[in-house]
Protein backbone atom coordinates (compact mmCIF):
# COMPACT_ATOMS: atom_id res chain seq x y z
CA MET A 1 67.51 64.55 -11.46
CA ARG A 2 70.82 63.21 -10.08
CA TYR A 3 71.94 64.11 -6.63
CA PRO A 4 75.52 65.30 -6.16
CA ILE A 5 78.05 62.88 -4.60
CA HIS A 6 80.29 64.68 -1.97
CA SER A 7 83.96 63.43 -1.49
CA GLY A 8 86.77 64.35 0.95
CA ARG A 9 87.20 63.96 4.63
CA ALA A 10 84.66 65.68 6.81
CA GLN A 11 86.12 68.05 9.29
CA SER A 12 84.75 68.34 12.88
CA ALA A 13 83.13 71.59 13.82
CA SER A 14 83.34 70.78 17.48
CA ARG A 15 86.43 72.37 18.93
CA SER A 16 87.01 73.64 22.48
CA PRO A 17 87.59 77.41 23.02
CA ALA A 18 91.11 76.78 24.23
CA ALA A 19 91.96 74.89 21.03
CA ILE A 20 90.63 77.73 19.03
CA ASN A 21 92.82 80.21 20.85
CA GLY A 22 95.86 77.86 20.41
CA LEU A 23 96.19 77.42 24.25
CA GLU A 24 94.92 73.91 24.63
CA ARG A 25 97.31 71.38 26.30
CA PRO A 26 97.43 67.65 25.29
CA SER A 27 95.87 66.49 28.58
CA GLN A 28 92.97 68.97 28.21
CA ARG A 29 92.38 67.75 24.56
CA LEU A 30 92.19 64.11 25.76
CA LEU A 31 89.80 65.08 28.62
CA TRP A 32 87.70 66.97 26.28
CA THR A 33 87.56 64.05 23.88
CA HIS A 34 86.54 61.68 26.59
CA TRP A 35 83.70 64.00 27.55
CA ARG A 36 82.53 64.22 24.02
CA ILE A 37 82.50 60.52 23.46
CA ALA A 38 80.55 60.08 26.77
CA GLY A 39 78.08 62.58 25.72
CA MET A 40 77.49 60.90 22.46
CA LEU A 41 77.01 57.47 24.07
CA LEU A 42 74.47 59.01 26.47
CA LEU A 43 72.65 60.63 23.53
CA GLY A 44 72.56 57.43 21.66
CA LEU A 45 71.08 55.45 24.61
CA ILE A 46 68.38 58.14 25.05
CA LEU A 47 67.44 57.89 21.43
CA VAL A 48 67.32 54.13 21.47
CA PHE A 49 64.94 53.89 24.49
CA LEU A 50 62.91 56.99 23.73
CA PRO A 51 59.30 56.04 22.93
CA ARG A 52 58.63 56.49 19.29
CA PRO A 53 55.22 57.57 18.00
CA ALA A 54 53.33 54.52 16.29
CA ARG A 55 53.11 54.79 12.64
CA ALA A 56 49.47 54.79 11.45
CA SER A 57 48.74 51.61 9.70
CA PRO A 58 46.88 52.02 6.40
CA GLU A 59 43.10 51.46 6.60
CA PRO A 60 41.76 48.62 4.51
CA ASN A 61 40.23 49.80 1.33
CA PRO A 62 37.88 46.99 0.23
CA GLU A 63 36.64 47.30 -3.32
CA THR A 64 32.92 47.66 -3.83
CA ILE A 65 30.34 47.57 -6.50
CA GLN A 66 27.65 50.13 -7.49
CA ALA A 67 24.67 48.08 -8.55
CA PRO A 68 22.01 45.97 -6.86
CA VAL A 69 22.86 42.35 -6.16
CA ARG A 70 20.40 39.72 -7.54
CA VAL A 71 22.21 36.38 -6.81
CA MET A 72 25.22 35.39 -4.90
CA GLU A 73 27.12 32.03 -4.72
CA VAL A 74 30.09 31.18 -2.59
CA SER A 75 32.69 28.60 -3.53
CA ALA A 76 36.18 28.25 -1.77
CA ALA A 77 37.58 31.66 -1.14
CA TYR A 78 35.51 33.43 -3.80
CA ALA A 79 32.04 35.19 -3.93
CA TYR A 80 30.31 35.08 -7.27
CA LEU A 81 27.79 37.92 -7.72
CA GLY A 82 25.07 38.48 -10.31
CA LEU A 83 24.06 42.14 -10.63
CA THR A 84 21.19 44.05 -12.18
CA ASN A 85 21.80 45.46 -15.64
CA ASN A 86 23.65 48.73 -15.14
CA ALA A 87 25.45 49.38 -18.36
CA GLY A 88 28.55 47.79 -16.72
CA ALA A 89 29.71 44.44 -15.36
CA GLU A 90 26.69 42.26 -14.44
CA TYR A 91 29.02 39.39 -13.26
CA VAL A 92 31.63 40.15 -10.55
CA VAL A 93 33.84 37.88 -8.59
CA PHE A 94 35.45 38.80 -5.18
CA ASP A 95 38.50 37.21 -3.50
CA ILE A 96 37.22 36.77 0.01
CA SER A 97 40.30 34.96 1.42
CA ARG A 98 40.72 38.11 3.70
CA PRO A 99 37.36 38.87 4.88
CA GLU A 100 38.17 42.39 5.97
CA LEU A 101 39.58 43.17 2.46
CA PRO A 102 37.54 41.63 -0.36
CA ARG A 103 39.01 42.29 -3.81
CA ILE A 104 37.61 41.97 -7.27
CA VAL A 105 39.32 39.40 -9.34
CA ASP A 106 37.01 38.98 -12.31
CA GLN A 107 34.19 40.75 -14.01
CA ALA A 108 32.17 40.61 -17.17
CA GLU A 109 29.46 42.52 -19.06
CA VAL A 110 26.50 40.15 -19.71
CA GLY A 111 24.17 42.76 -21.09
CA GLN A 112 21.09 41.58 -18.94
CA THR A 113 20.28 41.40 -15.22
CA VAL A 114 21.75 38.03 -13.99
CA SER A 115 19.08 35.82 -12.39
CA ALA A 116 21.12 32.63 -11.48
CA LEU A 117 24.74 31.42 -11.54
CA HIS A 118 26.78 28.49 -10.67
CA PRO A 119 30.55 28.30 -10.40
CA ALA A 120 32.07 25.17 -11.67
CA ALA A 121 35.51 23.76 -12.32
CA THR A 122 35.21 24.48 -16.05
CA GLY A 123 33.89 28.13 -15.56
CA THR A 124 30.83 29.87 -14.31
CA PHE A 125 27.46 29.10 -15.65
CA ILE A 126 25.32 32.40 -15.82
CA ALA A 127 21.52 32.73 -16.46
CA THR A 128 19.87 36.03 -17.20
CA GLU A 129 16.36 37.46 -16.88
CA SER A 130 16.16 37.51 -20.65
CA ALA A 131 12.88 36.24 -22.07
CA GLN A 132 15.07 33.83 -24.19
CA ARG A 133 16.10 31.91 -21.17
CA GLU A 134 19.80 32.10 -22.15
CA ILE A 135 22.66 30.52 -20.29
CA PHE A 136 26.20 31.79 -20.78
CA LEU A 137 29.62 30.31 -19.74
CA ARG A 138 32.30 32.60 -18.28
CA THR A 139 35.92 31.17 -18.47
CA ARG A 140 39.18 32.84 -17.53
CA GLU A 141 41.52 30.68 -19.77
CA PRO A 142 40.77 31.70 -22.40
CA ASP A 143 39.06 34.93 -21.12
CA THR A 144 35.67 34.50 -22.67
CA LEU A 145 31.91 34.89 -22.07
CA ARG A 146 29.69 33.08 -24.53
CA LYS A 147 26.11 31.87 -24.83
CA ILE A 148 26.00 28.12 -24.78
CA ILE A 149 22.25 27.33 -24.90
CA THR A 150 18.85 28.89 -25.19
CA LEU A 151 16.17 26.79 -23.28
CA PRO A 152 12.71 26.27 -24.77
CA GLY A 153 9.46 27.41 -23.12
CA GLU A 154 8.72 30.62 -21.17
CA GLY A 155 9.58 31.98 -17.64
CA LYS A 156 12.77 33.06 -15.84
CA ILE A 157 15.70 30.84 -14.76
CA VAL A 158 15.89 31.27 -10.96
CA LYS A 159 18.54 28.63 -10.00
CA LEU A 160 21.45 26.68 -11.25
CA ASP A 161 23.00 23.93 -9.57
CA GLN A 162 25.06 20.69 -10.38
CA ILE A 163 24.94 16.96 -9.83
CA GLY A 164 27.99 15.27 -11.22
CA GLU A 165 28.19 16.20 -14.89
CA LEU A 166 24.62 17.45 -14.99
CA LEU A 167 23.53 21.12 -14.71
CA VAL A 168 20.23 21.55 -12.84
CA VAL A 169 18.24 24.52 -14.19
CA LEU A 170 15.21 25.54 -12.11
CA SER A 171 12.86 27.95 -14.13
CA LYS A 172 9.67 29.69 -12.82
CA ALA A 173 6.92 30.71 -15.23
CA ASP A 174 5.14 34.04 -14.95
CA THR A 175 1.85 32.25 -15.13
CA GLY A 176 2.83 29.95 -12.16
CA GLY A 177 4.53 26.53 -12.19
CA ASP A 178 8.06 25.49 -11.93
CA HIS A 179 10.05 23.36 -14.33
CA THR A 180 13.54 21.64 -14.15
CA PHE A 181 15.92 21.05 -16.94
CA LEU A 182 18.81 18.66 -16.55
CA LEU A 183 21.76 19.56 -19.01
CA ASP A 184 24.67 17.24 -19.72
CA ILE A 185 27.73 19.36 -19.32
CA GLN A 186 30.54 16.89 -20.18
CA ASP A 187 31.16 19.49 -22.91
CA PRO A 188 30.47 22.67 -21.12
CA ALA A 189 30.44 24.61 -24.37
CA LYS A 190 27.78 22.43 -25.87
CA PRO A 191 25.33 21.35 -23.13
CA LYS A 192 22.57 18.93 -24.04
CA ILE A 193 19.09 18.72 -22.49
CA GLN A 194 18.50 15.34 -20.84
CA SER A 195 15.12 15.72 -19.29
CA GLY A 196 12.40 17.95 -18.00
CA SER A 197 10.32 17.37 -14.93
CA PRO A 198 7.41 18.87 -13.00
CA ARG A 199 7.26 20.76 -9.80
CA SER A 200 7.98 17.75 -7.49
CA GLU A 201 11.41 17.29 -9.00
CA ALA A 202 11.93 20.98 -9.15
CA ARG A 203 11.61 21.13 -5.38
CA ILE A 204 14.20 18.46 -4.99
CA ALA A 205 16.69 20.36 -7.24
CA HIS A 206 15.94 23.57 -5.45
CA LYS A 207 16.89 21.95 -2.09
CA LEU A 208 20.31 20.75 -3.35
CA ARG A 209 21.82 23.76 -1.83
CA THR A 210 20.29 25.96 0.95
CA PRO A 211 19.48 29.16 -0.72
CA PRO A 212 20.51 32.49 0.81
CA GLN A 213 18.08 34.61 2.75
CA ILE A 214 16.23 37.21 0.75
CA ALA A 215 14.47 40.11 2.52
CA GLN A 216 12.99 43.45 1.63
CA ILE A 217 11.90 45.93 4.29
CA PRO A 218 9.94 49.11 3.55
CA PRO A 219 10.79 51.93 3.57
CA ARG A 220 14.46 51.02 3.21
CA LYS A 221 13.72 48.77 0.09
CA VAL A 222 16.71 46.53 0.88
CA ALA A 223 17.07 43.10 -0.24
CA ARG A 224 19.74 41.08 1.45
CA LEU A 225 21.30 37.88 0.40
CA TRP A 226 23.26 36.20 3.18
CA GLU A 227 25.93 33.55 2.97
CA GLN A 228 28.29 32.57 5.70
CA HIS A 229 31.98 33.00 5.00
CA PRO A 230 33.44 29.63 3.90
CA GLY A 231 36.60 30.12 5.88
CA ASP A 232 35.65 32.16 8.90
CA ALA A 233 32.26 31.68 10.68
CA ASN A 234 32.60 35.05 12.19
CA TYR A 235 31.99 36.79 8.92
CA ALA A 236 28.88 36.81 6.69
CA LEU A 237 28.72 37.81 3.05
CA VAL A 238 25.86 40.24 2.15
CA GLY A 239 24.42 41.32 -1.05
CA LEU A 240 22.23 44.39 -1.04
CA ASP A 241 19.44 45.81 -3.30
CA THR A 242 21.20 49.14 -3.30
CA GLU A 243 22.85 51.41 -5.93
CA LYS A 244 25.97 51.85 -3.75
CA ASP A 245 28.39 49.57 -1.87
CA SER A 246 26.07 46.72 -2.48
CA PHE A 247 28.47 43.88 -1.58
CA ARG A 248 29.84 43.73 1.95
CA VAL A 249 31.54 41.31 4.32
CA HIS A 250 30.12 41.70 7.77
CA ARG A 251 31.59 40.59 11.09
CA VAL A 252 28.66 39.21 12.96
CA GLU A 253 28.07 37.78 16.44
CA PRO A 254 25.52 34.94 16.42
CA GLU A 255 22.46 35.96 18.16
CA THR A 256 20.98 33.85 21.01
CA LEU A 257 17.54 32.59 19.92
CA ARG A 258 14.72 31.15 21.81
CA PHE A 259 15.01 27.86 19.87
CA GLU A 260 17.96 25.53 18.97
CA ASP A 261 19.19 23.55 16.00
CA ASN A 262 16.76 20.66 16.99
CA ASN A 263 17.10 18.62 13.64
CA GLY A 264 20.85 18.97 13.72
CA ASP A 265 21.45 20.30 10.12
CA GLY A 266 23.46 23.27 11.16
CA MET A 267 20.63 25.80 10.40
CA LEU A 268 18.19 27.57 12.62
CA GLU A 269 15.03 27.08 10.67
CA LEU A 270 11.70 28.82 11.40
CA ALA A 271 8.55 27.94 9.85
CA CYS A 272 5.59 30.42 9.77
CA ILE A 273 2.01 29.12 9.58
CA GLY A 274 -0.53 31.86 9.18
CA ASP A 275 -3.22 33.42 6.97
CA SER A 276 -3.13 36.31 4.41
CA ASN A 277 -1.42 38.53 6.89
CA THR A 278 1.42 36.20 6.82
CA VAL A 279 1.33 35.36 3.14
CA GLY A 280 1.83 39.00 2.26
CA SER A 281 2.40 40.07 -1.47
CA THR A 282 3.45 37.66 -4.11
CA ASN A 283 6.02 39.92 -5.72
CA VAL A 284 9.38 38.60 -6.91
CA TRP A 285 10.90 39.57 -3.57
CA PRO A 286 9.10 38.07 -0.66
CA SER A 287 7.25 40.77 1.09
CA ASN A 288 5.81 39.51 4.42
CA TRP A 289 7.12 39.61 8.01
CA CYS A 290 7.97 35.89 7.88
CA HIS A 291 10.68 36.66 5.34
CA TRP A 292 11.67 40.07 6.46
CA VAL A 293 12.56 38.82 10.01
CA ALA A 294 15.66 37.40 8.45
CA GLU A 295 16.80 40.91 7.80
CA GLU A 296 16.48 41.65 11.55
CA ILE A 297 18.35 38.64 12.95
CA LEU A 298 22.18 38.96 12.11
CA ASN A 299 22.79 35.24 12.04
CA SER A 300 23.78 33.49 8.75
CA ALA A 301 22.48 30.24 10.05
CA PHE A 302 18.92 31.61 10.51
CA ALA A 303 16.38 30.91 7.76
CA THR A 304 12.66 31.25 7.45
CA THR A 305 10.05 29.34 5.40
CA ASN A 306 6.51 30.44 4.94
CA TYR A 307 3.83 27.78 4.78
CA SER A 308 0.90 30.11 5.09
CA ALA A 309 -2.26 30.34 2.95
CA ASN A 310 -4.86 32.99 2.15
CA GLY A 311 -7.95 32.41 4.23
CA ALA A 312 -6.29 29.92 6.52
CA ARG A 313 -8.18 28.99 9.72
CA ILE A 314 -7.52 26.78 12.80
CA ASP A 315 -10.46 24.80 11.78
CA SER A 316 -11.48 24.97 8.12
CA LEU A 317 -13.63 22.67 5.88
CA TRP A 318 -11.21 23.54 3.04
CA PRO A 319 -8.17 21.36 3.46
CA ASP A 320 -5.80 23.90 1.78
CA GLN A 321 -6.82 26.44 4.39
CA SER A 322 -6.70 24.14 7.36
CA GLY A 323 -4.11 24.58 10.18
CA ALA A 324 -3.58 20.80 10.23
CA THR A 325 -2.64 20.74 6.48
CA LEU A 326 -0.36 23.66 6.68
CA LEU A 327 1.40 22.09 9.64
CA ALA A 328 1.83 18.85 7.89
CA ASN A 329 3.48 20.61 5.02
CA ALA A 330 5.75 22.38 7.36
CA LEU A 331 6.74 19.29 9.29
CA GLU A 332 7.90 17.53 6.04
CA GLU A 333 10.84 19.87 5.99
CA LYS A 334 11.71 19.33 9.72
CA PRO A 335 11.78 22.88 10.99
CA ASP A 336 13.45 23.76 14.28
CA ALA A 337 10.59 26.10 15.33
CA ILE A 338 7.14 27.11 14.21
CA VAL A 339 5.16 30.28 14.71
CA PHE A 340 1.47 29.77 14.62
CA ALA A 341 -0.32 33.11 13.39
CA LEU A 342 -3.83 31.76 13.13
CA GLY A 343 -7.29 32.65 14.30
CA SER A 344 -8.39 35.77 12.64
CA ASN A 345 -10.36 34.08 10.06
CA ASP A 346 -12.03 31.83 12.61
CA LEU A 347 -13.58 34.95 14.44
CA PRO A 348 -16.37 35.54 11.91
CA TYR A 349 -17.62 31.96 12.33
CA LEU A 350 -18.00 32.35 16.08
CA ARG A 351 -21.64 32.37 17.36
CA PRO A 352 -22.44 35.69 19.01
CA GLY A 353 -24.18 34.01 21.93
CA HIS A 354 -21.56 31.31 22.33
CA LEU A 355 -18.30 33.15 22.24
CA ASP A 356 -16.63 31.69 25.13
CA GLU A 357 -17.65 28.14 24.18
CA ASP A 358 -16.53 28.46 20.56
CA ILE A 359 -13.19 30.24 21.56
CA ARG A 360 -12.43 27.31 23.90
CA GLY A 361 -13.00 24.96 21.14
CA ARG A 362 -10.55 26.95 18.77
CA ILE A 363 -8.01 27.13 21.45
CA HIS A 364 -8.28 23.38 22.01
CA GLN A 365 -7.64 22.72 18.26
CA LEU A 366 -4.72 25.16 18.36
CA GLU A 367 -3.27 23.20 21.32
CA ALA A 368 -3.58 19.96 19.35
CA LEU A 369 -1.47 21.55 16.52
CA VAL A 370 1.13 22.87 18.94
CA ALA A 371 1.47 19.41 20.55
CA THR A 372 1.93 17.75 17.17
CA ALA A 373 4.70 20.24 16.20
CA ARG A 374 6.54 19.59 19.47
CA LYS A 375 6.19 15.71 19.10
CA ASN A 376 7.95 16.22 15.68
CA GLY A 377 10.86 18.11 17.37
CA ALA A 378 9.72 21.70 16.48
CA GLN A 379 9.57 24.18 19.24
CA SER A 380 6.38 26.17 18.99
CA PHE A 381 5.24 29.79 19.61
CA VAL A 382 1.72 31.19 19.27
CA ALA A 383 0.99 34.75 18.00
CA LEU A 384 -1.68 36.95 19.33
CA LEU A 385 -4.20 38.06 16.83
CA PRO A 386 -3.60 41.58 15.33
CA PRO A 387 -6.11 44.40 15.65
CA ARG A 388 -8.79 44.71 13.09
CA PHE A 389 -10.28 48.10 12.02
CA ASP A 390 -13.27 47.10 9.85
CA GLN A 391 -15.48 45.85 12.72
CA LYS A 392 -16.83 42.82 10.72
CA GLU A 393 -16.60 40.30 13.60
CA PRO A 394 -18.53 39.72 16.98
CA SER A 395 -17.87 42.55 19.27
CA GLY A 396 -15.12 41.73 21.77
CA ALA A 397 -14.25 38.28 20.08
CA ARG A 398 -10.72 39.36 19.21
CA SER A 399 -9.79 40.57 22.74
CA ARG A 400 -11.34 37.53 24.31
CA PHE A 401 -9.41 35.23 21.89
CA ASN A 402 -6.15 36.85 22.84
CA GLU A 403 -6.96 36.51 26.53
CA ALA A 404 -7.55 32.83 25.96
CA ILE A 405 -4.12 32.55 24.36
CA ARG A 406 -2.49 34.26 27.21
CA ALA A 407 -4.31 31.87 29.61
CA HIS A 408 -3.02 28.69 27.83
CA TRP A 409 0.52 29.49 26.92
CA GLU A 410 3.52 30.94 28.93
CA PRO A 411 4.88 34.45 28.06
CA HIS A 412 7.95 33.11 26.48
CA GLU A 413 5.71 31.07 23.99
CA ILE A 414 3.49 34.02 22.98
CA LEU A 415 4.55 36.46 20.12
CA ASP A 416 2.69 39.75 20.64
CA PHE A 417 1.19 40.82 17.18
CA ASP A 418 -1.57 42.70 19.03
CA SER A 419 -0.12 45.89 20.62
CA GLY A 420 1.76 48.71 19.01
CA PHE A 421 -0.13 48.74 15.66
CA SER A 422 -2.37 51.50 14.36
CA SER A 423 -4.88 51.84 11.30
CA SER A 424 -1.98 53.27 9.32
CA ASP A 425 -0.36 50.00 9.35
CA PHE A 426 -3.27 48.44 7.43
CA GLY A 427 -4.68 48.86 3.94
CA SER A 428 -7.93 50.57 3.20
CA ASP A 429 -9.90 47.51 4.19
CA GLY A 430 -8.68 47.77 7.74
CA LEU A 431 -7.75 44.06 7.65
CA HIS A 432 -4.67 43.41 5.81
CA PHE A 433 -1.17 44.76 6.66
CA LYS A 434 0.58 47.24 4.43
CA GLY A 435 4.31 46.95 3.95
CA VAL A 436 4.92 49.12 7.04
CA GLY A 437 2.71 46.72 9.07
CA HIS A 438 4.71 43.70 7.98
CA ALA A 439 8.01 45.57 8.79
CA LYS A 440 6.71 46.25 12.31
CA ARG A 441 5.66 42.66 12.61
CA ALA A 442 9.23 41.52 11.52
CA VAL A 443 10.94 43.71 14.06
CA ARG A 444 8.53 42.47 16.85
CA ALA A 445 9.22 38.84 15.82
CA ALA A 446 12.94 39.37 15.74
CA GLU A 447 13.01 40.97 19.19
CA PHE A 448 10.90 38.14 20.66
CA LEU A 449 13.04 35.41 18.98
CA GLN A 450 16.28 36.96 20.23
CA LYS A 451 15.11 37.50 23.78
CA ASP A 452 16.77 35.33 26.43
CA SER A 453 18.22 31.86 25.70
CA PRO A 454 16.22 29.01 24.30
CA GLU A 455 13.37 27.64 26.49
CA LYS A 456 13.09 23.90 26.65
CA GLN A 457 9.59 22.56 25.73
CA THR A 458 8.22 19.11 26.31
CA PRO A 459 5.40 17.48 24.38
C-alpha cells in the first residue's frame, strides 16, 4: 500500500472574528499575530518540560532447554551442556556473556544421554552413556558431529579432561573400579590410545578440574550442577534434573559460613566423616545429607566430600571402619572443615554397668580426632547422635552420649542431628535414614553452617 502525497500550501484555519467579518484593522491583525506566536511558544515550553511516561523496557527473554542436565562444562563465555536423551538435542551450548540473558548458540542430536564432555580449541569432545563407550567430536566449521573412537572394556565414561595434547578419559565400571585412558589428540579426528592406568591415576585425572556440585533431594528429585560464572562472580550457572527450564543463570549472594577458606584454594570444602547414615545410598546420584547440603547453600565455592564408611566407629578394630583412618583419608585432600558424625556404632559395644566410663573413653578418642583435624588446618564440628527406634543398645546410652558431647564442645561446634526427627524419617529397621531423613539432615546442616560468621578455633 502506498500512502498519498499531499502538495500545495497549507492554509491557516485560525482567523479572528473581526477578520472573518472583514472589519479587522492592520494594527489588530499584528496584535493578534503576536498573541498567537506567544501562545505557541508557551505551549511548546510546556510540552518540552512536561514529564513523559517512561517507556516500558522489554523484559529479558532467556532461552531455556526442556531436558534434564547431566553434565556441564564452562569455558570462556560459554556453557556446554550434556542432556538426557530426549528425542532432540542432547548437546547444547549457551552464550553466557550476558548472565541475565543466556542464548543458545549451538546444539546437536547425539542420540544418547551425554555422560561427559570437554570443550577444546578443535571442537567439543562428547561421551555418552552408551555401552559401546563412544566418544564424539563436535565442530562448527565444518558443522559436524562424528564418532572418533570406541574405547575397549566395560563401564560408563564419567569425565573428560585435557593435558596438553592428551585427552584424559575417566571411566567407571558397573561392577566397581575406575580406569583412565589417555588419548593422543594431535589429530582430533583420529585419537590414539596411549595408556591405561589403575584407580590411583584415575583419582589424579579426576582432580584436574574441580567437579561441579551434584545433589538430589527428595521429594523434589532435583539434581543440580553448579559452576561459577567465569566473568561475573555474582552469578552461578545451574543445571537441573528437571524436564522444564533445566538450565538457569542465578544471581547469588555468597553465604557467610562458620568456616573459612583455610587452605587458600578459593573453595570452601567440607569433609564428612560418618557411618552408614552418612554414606547413604550408592546410586548414580549421591543420595546422602553430606552431598545434599550443597543444594541448600547457595555458594558456588562451597563443596562437600564424603569420607564415611558403613559400620564406622570412633574406635574400631577394623582399620577401614576406624575414625582415625577416615580422618587420615580426608586430611590428604586438605579440607577447610570437617563434620564428625560418629558414635552410633560404638554404642552397642558399651558395657551396661560401665556406661559413663566407656562413654568418657569414646569422647576422649573423639577429642583426639578433632585435635588432629585442627592441627592440620581443618575447622571441626561434632554431630549429635541421631535417634534410634529399634532399641538394640543399652538403655539411655544414646542420650548420655549426646550429653557428653554437649559438655565437651561449645554450641557453635555442635551440629544437632538429634532433635526434630521421627520414626517416619527412618527405614523399617528403625536405624537407617530414608531419603526424607537425609533431606532433613541436609537442611539442618546447612542452617548450622550458615549461622553467624566463622568462629576461630585453636588446636
